[in-house]
Amino acid sequence: MSVTAERTSVLPFTVEFAEADMADLRRRIASSRFSEKETVSDLSQGSPFDTLREIARYWGNDYDFGRVQATLSAFPNFITEIDGLDIHFIHVRSPHEDALPLIVTHGWPGSVIEQAKIIEPLTNPTKFGGDASDAFHLVVPSMPGYGFSGKPTETGWGPERMARAWPELMKRLGYTRWAAQGGDWGAIVTDIMAAQEPEGLVGIHTNMAKTVPAELDAALITFQPVPEDTPPLNEEEQAAVEQLKFAYSHVYYAYLMGSRPQSLASLADSPIGLAAFMIDHDHKSLQLITRAFAGEPTGLTRDDVLDNITLFWLTNTSVSAARLYWENTKPFFGRSGVKLPVAVSVFPDEMYLPPRTWAEQAYPNLIHYNRVAAGGHFAAWEQPEIFVDEVRNGLRSLRK
């Protein structure tokens, strides 16, 4: 086999963590030093003291450190080199040969852990009371700098480069006709990829639609008033503007990672520091997680949350993942110019709820738009049944 063939080969990958690394994690959790309790009774100062103390107690004493390895090892894992970087991915072929190939991309502070609950229902729907005609062959990659994928050692690995890498991955797997799905960064990568219209991509599903008009988005992200020449806003559009104002004024983690990711070195040294940073993504998600660690039933369990943080810790990817914000030059919610078929699912606790009018303008080939009853930013992780139904319904018209 030639060197070139070796680099482009798709090789099996074994998920395995050293006992010494897990023992070190336990030791660091046990020796955590905490700040004092917040001076407010709400979440306005960030990750609350009581939640972090409970995270430390449960993580250090009751959490099963073998969960991440067992969860990911339940699926076929692979690795291949694309554009000079190792890309890890889960690849599960459906038992139904007519299944539609689908690549699903996670975001930050997520990982392939987010998609673990949806893999079986999407690939084997008949096992879960569904129809074989709704089956997917599923590809779930770890973004560069995340999980078991390589950590870029040079600049340039932003969402546009990922959007060029994913079609190459699907081609290597033998897929000539396929769809894509994403939320958070995965939505941005998927949107950009759809705008690039690579060979084989027939349409996308997004649960964080990029629908905001460019001039309006540029004003809101810089805390400027709505431009005077903006057409009159209907009730849904005005609500979206207010949500965007709130979101842009409460995502300073993104500004920090986007400007000084290397200054977050402490995240690689303190597991509780890492947890405090990761759980404070958006207001609704932080509410959800604090309730989970207070013993209230929510869409996420304590184990769910700690599985993801544990993967970040054991792969030491907190800083390499953060650099994606530094690399990005594209708007989070602004339009990409997608002409391919697009399915949009709107979860009620998402950072902003894209109005149908904006979705129709952003995606002239809109094939599905639905506002669901429950779920937030981490939809596949928090509400897998609703998410699976939305992916099936949203992409059904793309099947031959």
Protein backbone atom coordinates (compact mmCIF):
# COMPACT_ATOMS: atom_id res chain seq x y z
CA MET A 1 0.00 0.00 0.00
CA SER A 2 1.34 3.43 -0.92
CA VAL A 3 1.80 6.22 1.61
CA THR A 4 -1.02 8.17 -0.06
CA ALA A 5 -3.35 5.16 0.15
CA GLU A 6 -2.49 4.68 3.82
CA ARG A 7 -3.39 8.30 4.59
CA THR A 8 -6.73 8.12 2.81
CA SER A 9 -7.67 4.69 4.17
CA VAL A 10 -10.61 4.36 6.51
CA LEU A 11 -9.30 2.47 9.53
CA PRO A 12 -11.10 0.98 12.54
CA PHE A 13 -10.65 3.01 15.73
CA THR A 14 -10.78 1.69 19.29
CA VAL A 15 -12.15 3.97 22.01
CA GLU A 16 -9.98 3.42 25.06
CA PHE A 17 -8.88 5.48 28.04
CA ALA A 18 -5.94 4.78 30.32
CA GLU A 19 -6.73 3.91 33.94
CA ALA A 20 -3.98 6.31 35.00
CA ASP A 21 -5.79 9.21 33.29
CA MET A 22 -9.07 8.36 34.99
CA ALA A 23 -7.31 8.05 38.36
CA ASP A 24 -5.73 11.46 37.80
CA LEU A 25 -9.17 12.91 37.00
CA ARG A 26 -10.58 11.52 40.26
CA ARG A 27 -7.68 13.01 42.19
CA ARG A 28 -8.13 16.43 40.62
CA ILE A 29 -11.87 16.42 41.32
CA ALA A 30 -11.23 15.50 44.96
CA SER A 31 -8.74 18.34 45.37
CA SER A 32 -10.90 21.01 43.73
CA ARG A 33 -10.83 24.48 45.25
CA PHE A 34 -14.09 26.41 45.00
CA SER A 35 -14.83 30.09 44.97
CA GLU A 36 -17.47 31.54 47.25
CA LYS A 37 -21.19 31.31 46.51
CA GLU A 38 -22.68 33.79 44.04
CA THR A 39 -24.28 36.93 45.45
CA VAL A 40 -27.52 36.57 43.51
CA SER A 41 -30.38 34.09 43.66
CA ASP A 42 -30.58 33.52 39.89
CA LEU A 43 -28.18 32.41 37.14
CA SER A 44 -27.10 35.90 36.12
CA GLN A 45 -23.54 35.37 37.45
CA GLY A 46 -23.04 32.06 35.62
CA SER A 47 -22.60 28.48 36.79
CA PRO A 48 -23.89 28.39 40.39
CA PHE A 49 -21.85 27.31 43.40
CA ASP A 50 -24.32 24.63 44.53
CA THR A 51 -24.38 23.03 41.08
CA LEU A 52 -20.59 22.90 40.87
CA ARG A 53 -20.32 21.37 44.34
CA GLU A 54 -22.86 18.71 43.36
CA ILE A 55 -21.00 18.07 40.11
CA ALA A 56 -17.81 17.50 42.09
CA ARG A 57 -19.53 15.24 44.60
CA TYR A 58 -21.32 13.11 42.03
CA TRP A 59 -18.47 13.04 39.50
CA GLY A 60 -15.91 12.11 42.11
CA ASN A 61 -17.95 9.57 44.06
CA ASP A 62 -20.85 8.11 42.08
CA TYR A 63 -20.19 8.59 38.38
CA ASP A 64 -19.14 5.53 36.37
CA PHE A 65 -15.93 6.52 34.57
CA GLY A 66 -16.38 3.64 32.15
CA ARG A 67 -19.58 5.10 30.70
CA VAL A 68 -18.01 7.12 27.89
CA GLN A 69 -15.91 4.25 26.62
CA ALA A 70 -18.86 1.85 26.80
CA THR A 71 -21.26 4.26 25.09
CA LEU A 72 -18.98 5.04 22.17
CA SER A 73 -17.63 1.51 21.83
CA ALA A 74 -21.17 0.26 21.25
CA PHE A 75 -20.88 1.72 17.74
CA PRO A 76 -18.33 1.13 14.97
CA ASN A 77 -15.65 3.83 15.24
CA PHE A 78 -13.23 4.77 12.48
CA ILE A 79 -10.51 7.26 11.62
CA THR A 80 -9.18 8.63 8.34
CA GLU A 81 -6.91 11.47 7.30
CA ILE A 82 -8.52 14.33 5.37
CA ASP A 83 -6.63 17.43 4.30
CA GLY A 84 -3.72 16.53 6.56
CA LEU A 85 -5.76 15.88 9.72
CA ASP A 86 -7.09 12.73 11.35
CA ILE A 87 -10.88 12.69 11.44
CA HIS A 88 -12.62 10.34 13.87
CA PHE A 89 -16.17 9.29 13.12
CA ILE A 90 -18.87 6.79 14.01
CA HIS A 91 -20.31 4.98 11.00
CA VAL A 92 -23.39 2.81 11.38
CA ARG A 93 -24.96 1.28 8.29
CA SER A 94 -28.65 0.55 8.47
CA PRO A 95 -29.85 -3.04 8.04
CA HIS A 96 -32.17 -1.56 5.42
CA GLU A 97 -30.15 -1.25 2.23
CA ASP A 98 -32.29 1.53 0.74
CA ALA A 99 -31.46 3.81 3.68
CA LEU A 100 -30.49 7.42 2.97
CA PRO A 101 -26.89 8.24 4.01
CA LEU A 102 -26.80 11.10 6.51
CA ILE A 103 -23.85 12.92 8.08
CA VAL A 104 -24.66 14.51 11.46
CA THR A 105 -22.38 17.17 12.95
CA HIS A 106 -22.24 18.19 16.61
CA GLY A 107 -21.32 21.58 18.07
CA TRP A 108 -19.69 23.19 21.14
CA PRO A 109 -19.60 22.29 23.96
CA GLY A 110 -20.78 19.08 22.40
CA SER A 111 -19.28 15.95 20.93
CA VAL A 112 -20.39 12.70 19.33
CA ILE A 113 -21.83 11.90 22.78
CA GLU A 114 -24.72 14.21 21.81
CA GLN A 115 -25.75 11.90 18.98
CA ALA A 116 -25.49 8.56 20.82
CA LYS A 117 -29.22 8.43 21.60
CA ILE A 118 -30.34 8.95 18.00
CA ILE A 119 -28.05 6.49 16.21
CA GLU A 120 -30.11 3.32 16.62
CA PRO A 121 -33.54 4.91 16.01
CA LEU A 122 -32.30 6.56 12.81
CA THR A 123 -30.43 3.55 11.45
CA ASN A 124 -32.89 0.83 12.52
CA PRO A 125 -36.35 2.43 12.71
CA THR A 126 -38.25 -0.87 12.61
CA LYS A 127 -36.73 -1.79 15.98
CA PHE A 128 -38.42 1.30 17.42
CA GLY A 129 -41.82 0.97 15.76
CA GLY A 130 -40.90 2.96 12.67
CA ASP A 131 -40.86 2.14 8.96
CA ALA A 132 -37.91 0.75 7.03
CA SER A 133 -38.49 3.53 4.50
CA ASP A 134 -37.31 6.05 7.13
CA ALA A 135 -33.89 4.41 7.68
CA PHE A 136 -30.56 6.22 7.44
CA HIS A 137 -26.96 5.11 7.08
CA LEU A 138 -25.40 7.36 9.72
CA VAL A 139 -21.99 9.09 9.80
CA VAL A 140 -21.19 11.08 12.94
CA PRO A 141 -17.76 12.79 12.82
CA SER A 142 -15.86 14.49 15.62
CA MET A 143 -15.02 18.00 14.48
CA PRO A 144 -11.28 18.84 14.24
CA GLY A 145 -9.93 19.59 17.71
CA TYR A 146 -12.79 17.68 19.35
CA GLY A 147 -12.85 14.18 20.82
CA PHE A 148 -10.63 11.73 18.96
CA SER A 149 -10.14 13.82 15.82
CA GLY A 150 -6.77 15.44 15.32
CA LYS A 151 -5.93 18.81 16.86
CA PRO A 152 -4.97 21.29 14.15
CA THR A 153 -1.38 22.50 14.49
CA GLU A 154 -1.86 25.35 12.02
CA THR A 155 -4.54 27.91 11.37
CA GLY A 156 -7.30 27.41 8.84
CA TRP A 157 -9.57 24.72 10.27
CA GLY A 158 -12.77 26.76 10.41
CA PRO A 159 -16.29 25.69 9.44
CA GLU A 160 -15.66 26.27 5.72
CA ARG A 161 -12.78 23.80 5.69
CA MET A 162 -14.89 21.28 7.57
CA ALA A 163 -17.64 21.83 5.01
CA ARG A 164 -15.14 20.77 2.34
CA ALA A 165 -13.87 17.80 4.38
CA TRP A 166 -17.24 16.17 5.02
CA PRO A 167 -18.05 15.52 1.32
CA GLU A 168 -14.65 13.85 0.99
CA LEU A 169 -15.49 11.65 3.97
CA MET A 170 -18.82 10.63 2.45
CA LYS A 171 -17.11 9.90 -0.86
CA ARG A 172 -14.56 7.64 0.85
CA LEU A 173 -17.39 5.71 2.44
CA GLY A 174 -18.87 5.08 -1.00
CA TYR A 175 -21.88 7.38 -0.70
CA THR A 176 -22.84 9.18 -3.91
CA ARG A 177 -26.18 10.59 -2.73
CA TRP A 178 -26.53 11.82 0.85
CA ALA A 179 -28.01 14.39 3.23
CA ALA A 180 -26.58 16.34 6.17
CA GLN A 181 -27.81 17.48 9.58
CA GLY A 182 -26.43 19.80 12.24
CA GLY A 183 -27.04 21.88 15.33
CA ASP A 184 -24.85 24.61 16.88
CA TRP A 185 -21.51 24.55 15.00
CA GLY A 186 -22.86 21.52 13.16
CA ALA A 187 -25.64 23.73 11.80
CA ILE A 188 -23.12 26.31 10.64
CA VAL A 189 -20.91 23.70 8.96
CA THR A 190 -23.94 22.05 7.37
CA ASP A 191 -25.35 25.37 6.11
CA ILE A 192 -22.03 26.41 4.60
CA MET A 193 -21.63 22.98 3.03
CA ALA A 194 -25.09 23.24 1.47
CA ALA A 195 -24.18 26.65 0.05
CA GLN A 196 -21.08 25.08 -1.51
CA GLU A 197 -23.31 22.41 -3.13
CA PRO A 198 -20.82 19.53 -3.15
CA GLU A 199 -21.49 16.60 -5.45
CA GLY A 200 -23.83 14.10 -3.79
CA LEU A 201 -25.42 16.39 -1.19
CA VAL A 202 -29.18 16.41 -1.83
CA GLY A 203 -30.41 18.47 1.12
CA ILE A 204 -30.01 19.31 4.80
CA HIS A 205 -31.85 19.36 8.12
CA THR A 206 -31.01 21.99 10.72
CA ASN A 207 -32.15 22.58 14.28
CA MET A 208 -30.36 25.96 14.47
CA ALA A 209 -31.37 27.62 11.24
CA LYS A 210 -29.30 30.49 9.82
CA THR A 211 -32.14 32.75 8.71
CA VAL A 212 -31.40 36.27 10.00
CA PRO A 213 -31.13 38.96 7.28
CA ALA A 214 -27.49 40.06 6.95
CA GLU A 215 -27.91 43.75 7.78
CA LEU A 216 -30.10 42.98 10.78
CA ASP A 217 -27.71 40.33 12.10
CA ALA A 218 -24.73 42.68 11.71
CA ALA A 219 -26.55 45.32 13.76
CA LEU A 220 -27.71 43.00 16.51
CA ILE A 221 -24.35 41.31 17.07
CA THR A 222 -22.73 44.74 17.56
CA PHE A 223 -25.58 45.89 19.85
CA GLN A 224 -26.83 48.47 17.36
CA PRO A 225 -30.50 49.33 16.83
CA VAL A 226 -32.51 47.63 14.12
CA PRO A 227 -31.59 49.36 10.84
CA GLU A 228 -34.14 51.97 9.77
CA ASP A 229 -34.60 50.41 6.34
CA THR A 230 -35.58 47.02 7.84
CA PRO A 231 -39.05 46.03 6.59
CA PRO A 232 -41.74 46.08 9.30
CA LEU A 233 -41.41 43.08 11.59
CA ASN A 234 -44.31 40.79 12.37
CA GLU A 235 -44.84 39.34 15.85
CA GLU A 236 -42.63 36.27 15.32
CA GLU A 237 -39.85 38.34 13.76
CA GLN A 238 -39.91 40.90 16.58
CA ALA A 239 -39.74 38.07 19.14
CA ALA A 240 -36.73 36.64 17.28
CA VAL A 241 -35.00 40.04 17.38
CA GLU A 242 -35.47 40.24 21.16
CA GLN A 243 -34.15 36.68 21.55
CA LEU A 244 -31.11 37.53 19.45
CA LYS A 245 -30.43 40.65 21.51
CA PHE A 246 -30.47 38.53 24.65
CA ALA A 247 -28.35 35.78 23.10
CA TYR A 248 -25.67 38.13 21.76
CA SER A 249 -25.40 39.85 25.13
CA HIS A 250 -25.04 36.56 27.04
CA VAL A 251 -22.51 34.58 25.01
CA TYR A 252 -19.29 36.09 26.26
CA TYR A 253 -17.76 32.61 26.36
CA ALA A 254 -17.92 32.81 22.55
CA TYR A 255 -16.20 36.21 22.46
CA LEU A 256 -13.49 34.89 24.79
CA MET A 257 -12.87 31.76 22.75
CA GLY A 258 -13.08 33.80 19.57
CA SER A 259 -10.35 36.19 20.68
CA ARG A 260 -8.16 34.50 23.34
CA PRO A 261 -8.61 30.69 23.22
CA GLN A 262 -5.06 29.99 24.39
CA SER A 263 -5.73 31.96 27.58
CA LEU A 264 -8.19 29.24 28.59
CA ALA A 265 -5.33 26.94 29.58
CA SER A 266 -6.86 26.51 33.04
CA LEU A 267 -9.62 24.40 31.45
CA ALA A 268 -7.01 21.73 30.77
CA ASP A 269 -5.86 21.82 34.40
CA SER A 270 -9.07 21.89 36.46
CA PRO A 271 -11.96 19.50 35.79
CA ILE A 272 -14.38 21.61 37.83
CA GLY A 273 -13.19 24.72 36.00
CA LEU A 274 -13.88 22.90 32.74
CA ALA A 275 -17.34 21.86 33.93
CA ALA A 276 -18.19 25.41 35.05
CA PHE A 277 -17.27 26.76 31.61
CA MET A 278 -18.99 24.05 29.58
CA ILE A 279 -22.38 24.03 31.30
CA ASP A 280 -22.84 27.79 30.89
CA HIS A 281 -23.57 27.75 27.16
CA ASP A 282 -26.93 29.47 27.06
CA HIS A 283 -29.49 30.45 29.68
CA LYS A 284 -32.04 27.71 29.00
CA SER A 285 -29.41 24.97 28.87
CA LEU A 286 -27.85 26.17 32.13
CA GLN A 287 -31.29 26.10 33.74
CA LEU A 288 -31.78 22.54 32.49
CA ILE A 289 -28.42 21.35 33.80
CA THR A 290 -28.77 23.00 37.21
CA ARG A 291 -32.14 21.29 37.61
CA ALA A 292 -30.58 17.94 36.69
CA PHE A 293 -27.93 18.29 39.40
CA ALA A 294 -30.60 19.42 41.87
CA GLY A 295 -32.29 16.05 41.40
CA GLU A 296 -35.15 17.22 39.18
CA PRO A 297 -36.04 15.14 36.10
CA THR A 298 -35.15 16.94 32.87
CA GLY A 299 -34.27 16.03 29.30
CA LEU A 300 -30.66 15.53 30.43
CA THR A 301 -29.39 13.47 33.35
CA ARG A 302 -26.32 14.11 35.47
CA ASP A 303 -24.65 11.21 33.68
CA ASP A 304 -25.44 12.71 30.27
CA VAL A 305 -23.76 15.98 31.22
CA LEU A 306 -20.73 14.32 32.78
CA ASP A 307 -20.26 11.92 29.86
CA ASN A 308 -19.62 14.90 27.61
CA ILE A 309 -17.37 16.75 30.07
CA THR A 310 -15.43 13.56 30.80
CA LEU A 311 -14.78 13.05 27.07
CA PHE A 312 -13.45 16.61 26.79
CA TRP A 313 -11.21 16.04 29.82
CA LEU A 314 -9.80 12.64 28.86
CA THR A 315 -9.05 13.77 25.30
CA ASN A 316 -7.66 17.13 26.56
CA THR A 317 -9.56 19.04 23.92
CA SER A 318 -10.90 22.04 25.81
CA VAL A 319 -8.51 24.53 24.19
CA SER A 320 -8.26 22.87 20.77
CA ALA A 321 -12.07 22.87 20.57
CA ALA A 322 -12.24 26.51 21.65
CA ARG A 323 -10.03 27.57 18.73
CA LEU A 324 -12.92 26.92 16.34
CA TYR A 325 -14.42 30.21 17.56
CA TRP A 326 -11.13 31.97 16.77
CA GLU A 327 -11.08 30.44 13.29
CA ASN A 328 -14.64 31.37 12.40
CA THR A 329 -15.39 34.29 10.10
CA LYS A 330 -19.04 33.49 9.43
CA PRO A 331 -22.13 34.74 11.30
CA PHE A 332 -23.75 32.34 13.73
CA PHE A 333 -27.30 33.03 12.59
CA GLY A 334 -26.91 35.03 9.36
CA ARG A 335 -27.89 33.56 6.01
CA SER A 336 -25.47 31.52 3.87
CA GLY A 337 -27.22 31.59 0.50
CA VAL A 338 -28.39 27.96 0.50
CA LYS A 339 -30.31 26.86 -2.59
CA LEU A 340 -30.55 23.12 -1.85
CA PRO A 341 -33.61 21.64 -0.10
CA VAL A 342 -33.66 22.51 3.61
CA ALA A 343 -35.69 21.13 6.53
CA VAL A 344 -35.95 23.34 9.62
CA SER A 345 -36.96 22.17 13.09
CA VAL A 346 -37.53 24.83 15.74
CA PHE A 347 -37.12 23.75 19.37
CA PRO A 348 -38.80 26.11 21.86
CA ASP A 349 -35.77 26.61 24.15
CA GLU A 350 -33.30 27.31 21.33
CA MET A 351 -31.31 30.56 21.53
CA TYR A 352 -33.62 32.13 18.96
CA LEU A 353 -36.72 30.84 17.18
CA PRO A 354 -36.39 31.47 13.45
CA PRO A 355 -39.68 32.77 12.04
CA ARG A 356 -41.17 30.92 9.09
CA THR A 357 -40.96 34.10 7.01
CA TRP A 358 -37.20 34.33 7.55
CA ALA A 359 -36.78 30.60 6.89
CA GLU A 360 -38.61 30.93 3.58
CA GLN A 361 -36.41 33.87 2.58
CA ALA A 362 -33.15 32.22 3.70
CA TYR A 363 -34.00 28.85 2.18
CA PRO A 364 -35.95 29.28 -1.08
CA ASN A 365 -36.21 25.48 -1.31
CA LEU A 366 -37.69 25.01 2.19
CA ILE A 367 -39.16 21.49 2.34
CA HIS A 368 -40.07 21.35 6.04
CA TYR A 369 -40.64 23.86 8.83
CA ASN A 370 -41.98 22.79 12.21
CA ARG A 371 -42.08 24.18 15.72
CA VAL A 372 -41.97 21.29 18.18
CA ALA A 373 -43.32 21.07 21.72
CA ALA A 374 -40.16 20.57 23.78
CA GLY A 375 -36.39 20.77 23.66
CA GLY A 376 -33.59 23.26 23.45
CA HIS A 377 -30.16 23.88 22.00
CA PHE A 378 -28.91 20.30 22.42
CA ALA A 379 -31.98 18.81 20.79
CA ALA A 380 -30.68 15.36 19.80
CA TRP A 381 -29.25 14.86 23.28
CA GLU A 382 -32.17 16.25 25.27
CA GLN A 383 -35.20 15.20 23.21
CA PRO A 384 -34.03 12.30 21.01
CA GLU A 385 -37.51 11.00 20.14
CA ILE A 386 -38.75 14.38 18.92
CA PHE A 387 -35.46 14.97 17.13
CA VAL A 388 -35.59 11.62 15.33
CA ASP A 389 -39.17 12.28 14.20
CA GLU A 390 -38.15 15.68 12.86
CA VAL A 391 -35.20 14.29 10.90
CA ARG A 392 -37.36 11.53 9.43
CA ASN A 393 -40.22 13.89 8.50
CA GLY A 394 -37.95 16.69 7.36
CA LEU A 395 -35.87 14.64 4.94
CA ARG A 396 -38.52 12.18 3.77
CA SER A 397 -39.12 13.98 0.47
CA LEU A 398 -35.44 13.58 -0.47
CA ARG A 399 -35.64 9.81 -0.69
CA LYS A 400 -35.77 8.25 -4.15
